[in-house]
Structure formats: structure tokens, C-alpha cells
Amino acid sequence: MRDKPEVENKPEAENKPEVESMAEAENKPCGSGNTEFSQQVGSRAERKLKAQRHVNKTVWSGLGMMGLIGWSVAIPTLLGAALGVWLDKEYPGGRSWTLMLLVVGLCLGCFNAWRWVDKEDREIHRHEEGDDLD
């Protein structure tokens, strides 16, 4: 059997480990021990912390965004086509209102989706630039 080391009965203040927290370690300046290995470890830790802050960007939220983009194109296209069918029935003529309004609805939906994706892209880049400044 192994012998267990005896623990002295000291007050709690003396039994605290001398390991400092990550926050305390970050605030201390690095001495001459700033080697290439420690820089690599530090950059990896920084990347992990950044990734943990952005956990809300999951696969499901990405699929939800794709669905939202699809609906933002489909709804104006279908509304344009429906209005065109109604206009063709009410005002028959040489022009196809259905085809024209279908294309107009498609263009409006694509423009709306592009605007939304561009806004999201700018927001993502703004957050990344803010993280780099930290």
C-alpha cells in the first residue's frame, strides 16, 4: 500500500495554492521568458477565447439565415406573379403582366436579400475588428 503524505494543519490562508488566476496572469508583464513557444500558446489561447465568445453562430443559425434569404426572394416573386395573374385576367392584352411582375418581384427579392446579407457581413467584420482591438 502507498503511504499518504501527511498534511499539516495550517490555517486556510496558508493552505491556498500559489497558482494565480488567468486574469491575474494576463495583467502581469512577461519578462524575458517570452519565447516563440509561449507566443504560440498565447495566440492559440486567444483564438479559443474568441471562438468561445462567438458560440451563438451555430449550424442551425446558419441554416435559418439561408431559409430567411430564400423566403425574402420567394415571397416578392410569388406576390409579383399573383398580381400579374390577376392583372392578366382583369386587363387582357398583348403584354404578359404575370411575366413582367414575376421578374420585378424576383429582382426586388434578390436586392432585398443582397442588402440583408451585406448588412450581416458588415456586422460580422465590425465584431471581428472589435475583437482584434481587445
Protein backbone atom coordinates (compact mmCIF):
# COMPACT_ATOMS: atom_id res chain seq x y z
CA MET A 1 0.00 0.00 0.00
CA ARG A 2 1.06 3.51 -0.66
CA ASP A 3 1.70 5.85 2.18
CA LYS A 4 -0.36 9.01 2.08
CA PRO A 5 1.59 12.20 2.67
CA GLU A 6 0.73 13.86 5.91
CA VAL A 7 -0.97 17.22 5.65
CA GLU A 8 -0.06 19.75 8.26
CA ASN A 9 -2.84 21.55 9.99
CA LYS A 10 -2.33 25.12 8.86
CA PRO A 11 -4.83 27.94 8.73
CA GLU A 12 -6.79 28.20 5.46
CA ALA A 13 -4.90 31.25 4.31
CA GLU A 14 -1.67 29.26 4.36
CA ASN A 15 -3.19 26.23 2.56
CA LYS A 16 -4.23 28.23 -0.52
CA PRO A 17 -2.38 27.15 -3.64
CA GLU A 18 0.07 29.58 -5.12
CA VAL A 19 -1.47 29.25 -8.58
CA GLU A 20 -2.78 32.55 -9.86
CA SER A 21 -5.88 33.01 -11.96
CA MET A 22 -5.74 33.60 -15.71
CA ALA A 23 -6.88 37.20 -15.24
CA GLU A 24 -4.05 37.87 -12.79
CA ALA A 25 -1.55 36.20 -15.12
CA GLU A 26 -2.72 38.29 -18.09
CA ASN A 27 -2.16 41.54 -16.23
CA LYS A 28 1.40 40.72 -15.28
CA PRO A 29 4.07 41.76 -17.76
CA CYS A 30 6.07 38.97 -19.33
CA GLY A 31 9.74 39.04 -18.62
CA SER A 32 12.48 37.77 -20.86
CA GLY A 33 10.71 34.36 -20.96
CA ASN A 34 8.64 35.49 -23.97
CA THR A 35 9.76 32.69 -26.27
CA GLU A 36 8.33 31.62 -29.60
CA PHE A 37 6.57 28.70 -27.92
CA SER A 38 4.91 30.94 -25.34
CA GLN A 39 3.77 33.27 -28.13
CA GLN A 40 2.22 30.33 -29.99
CA VAL A 41 0.46 29.15 -26.86
CA GLY A 42 -0.78 32.66 -26.19
CA SER A 43 -2.14 33.11 -29.71
CA ARG A 44 -3.91 29.74 -29.59
CA ALA A 45 -5.48 30.60 -26.24
CA GLU A 46 -6.58 33.95 -27.63
CA ARG A 47 -8.19 32.26 -30.65
CA LYS A 48 -10.01 29.80 -28.39
CA LEU A 49 -11.35 32.60 -26.22
CA LYS A 50 -12.51 34.49 -29.31
CA ALA A 51 -14.24 31.35 -30.63
CA GLN A 52 -15.98 30.84 -27.30
CA ARG A 53 -17.36 34.39 -27.45
CA HIS A 54 -18.92 33.62 -30.84
CA VAL A 55 -20.63 30.33 -29.91
CA ASN A 56 -24.04 31.67 -30.92
CA LYS A 57 -23.11 31.24 -34.61
CA THR A 58 -24.09 27.58 -34.94
CA VAL A 59 -25.01 25.42 -37.90
CA TRP A 60 -28.71 25.84 -37.12
CA SER A 61 -28.48 29.62 -37.12
CA GLY A 62 -26.67 29.43 -40.47
CA LEU A 63 -29.42 27.23 -41.91
CA GLY A 64 -32.00 29.61 -40.51
CA MET A 65 -30.30 32.52 -42.27
CA MET A 66 -30.29 30.59 -45.54
CA GLY A 67 -34.01 29.94 -45.12
CA LEU A 68 -34.63 33.59 -44.37
CA ILE A 69 -32.77 34.61 -47.52
CA GLY A 70 -34.77 32.12 -49.56
CA TRP A 71 -38.08 33.41 -48.25
CA SER A 72 -37.01 37.03 -48.80
CA VAL A 73 -36.59 36.18 -52.51
CA ALA A 74 -39.56 33.81 -52.86
CA ILE A 75 -42.26 35.98 -51.29
CA PRO A 76 -41.84 39.06 -53.55
CA THR A 77 -41.53 36.77 -56.57
CA LEU A 78 -44.76 34.94 -55.75
CA LEU A 79 -46.56 38.17 -54.90
CA GLY A 80 -45.48 39.66 -58.24
CA ALA A 81 -46.65 36.57 -60.09
CA ALA A 82 -50.01 36.54 -58.28
CA LEU A 83 -50.57 40.23 -59.00
CA GLY A 84 -49.62 39.58 -62.63
CA VAL A 85 -52.10 36.72 -62.96
CA TRP A 86 -54.85 38.93 -61.52
CA LEU A 87 -53.94 41.81 -63.89
CA ASP A 88 -53.90 39.42 -66.89
CA LYS A 89 -57.43 38.24 -66.00
CA GLU A 90 -58.79 41.73 -65.36
CA TYR A 91 -57.00 43.54 -68.21
CA PRO A 92 -56.20 41.10 -71.00
CA GLY A 93 -53.92 42.45 -73.67
CA GLY A 94 -50.80 41.86 -75.67
CA ARG A 95 -48.49 42.05 -72.67
CA SER A 96 -47.99 39.41 -70.01
CA TRP A 97 -48.32 41.12 -66.65
CA THR A 98 -47.53 37.82 -64.97
CA LEU A 99 -44.13 37.52 -66.57
CA MET A 100 -43.23 41.18 -66.03
CA LEU A 101 -44.27 41.28 -62.38
CA LEU A 102 -42.65 37.90 -61.72
CA VAL A 103 -39.31 39.33 -62.91
CA VAL A 104 -39.87 42.57 -60.95
CA GLY A 105 -40.66 40.56 -57.79
CA LEU A 106 -37.60 38.40 -58.33
CA CYS A 107 -35.37 41.45 -58.75
CA LEU A 108 -36.82 43.13 -55.64
CA GLY A 109 -36.37 39.91 -53.62
CA CYS A 110 -32.76 39.49 -54.77
CA PHE A 111 -32.00 43.12 -53.94
CA ASN A 112 -33.57 42.73 -50.50
CA ALA A 113 -31.59 39.53 -49.81
CA TRP A 114 -28.34 41.14 -51.01
CA ARG A 115 -28.91 44.14 -48.74
CA TRP A 116 -29.59 41.90 -45.75
CA VAL A 117 -26.52 39.69 -46.38
CA ASP A 118 -24.34 42.79 -46.86
CA LYS A 119 -25.58 44.22 -43.54
CA GLU A 120 -24.83 40.94 -41.73
CA ASP A 121 -21.38 40.76 -43.33
CA ARG A 122 -20.54 44.30 -42.19
CA GLU A 123 -21.72 43.45 -38.67
CA ILE A 124 -19.55 40.32 -38.56
CA HIS A 125 -16.48 42.25 -39.73
CA ARG A 126 -17.20 45.01 -37.23
CA HIS A 127 -17.27 42.44 -34.40
CA GLU A 128 -14.02 40.83 -35.65
CA GLU A 129 -12.27 44.20 -35.77
CA GLY A 130 -13.53 44.95 -32.27
CA ASP A 131 -12.13 41.61 -31.03
CA ASP A 132 -8.75 42.35 -32.61
CA LEU A 133 -8.57 45.62 -30.70
CA ASP A 134 -9.15 43.89 -27.34
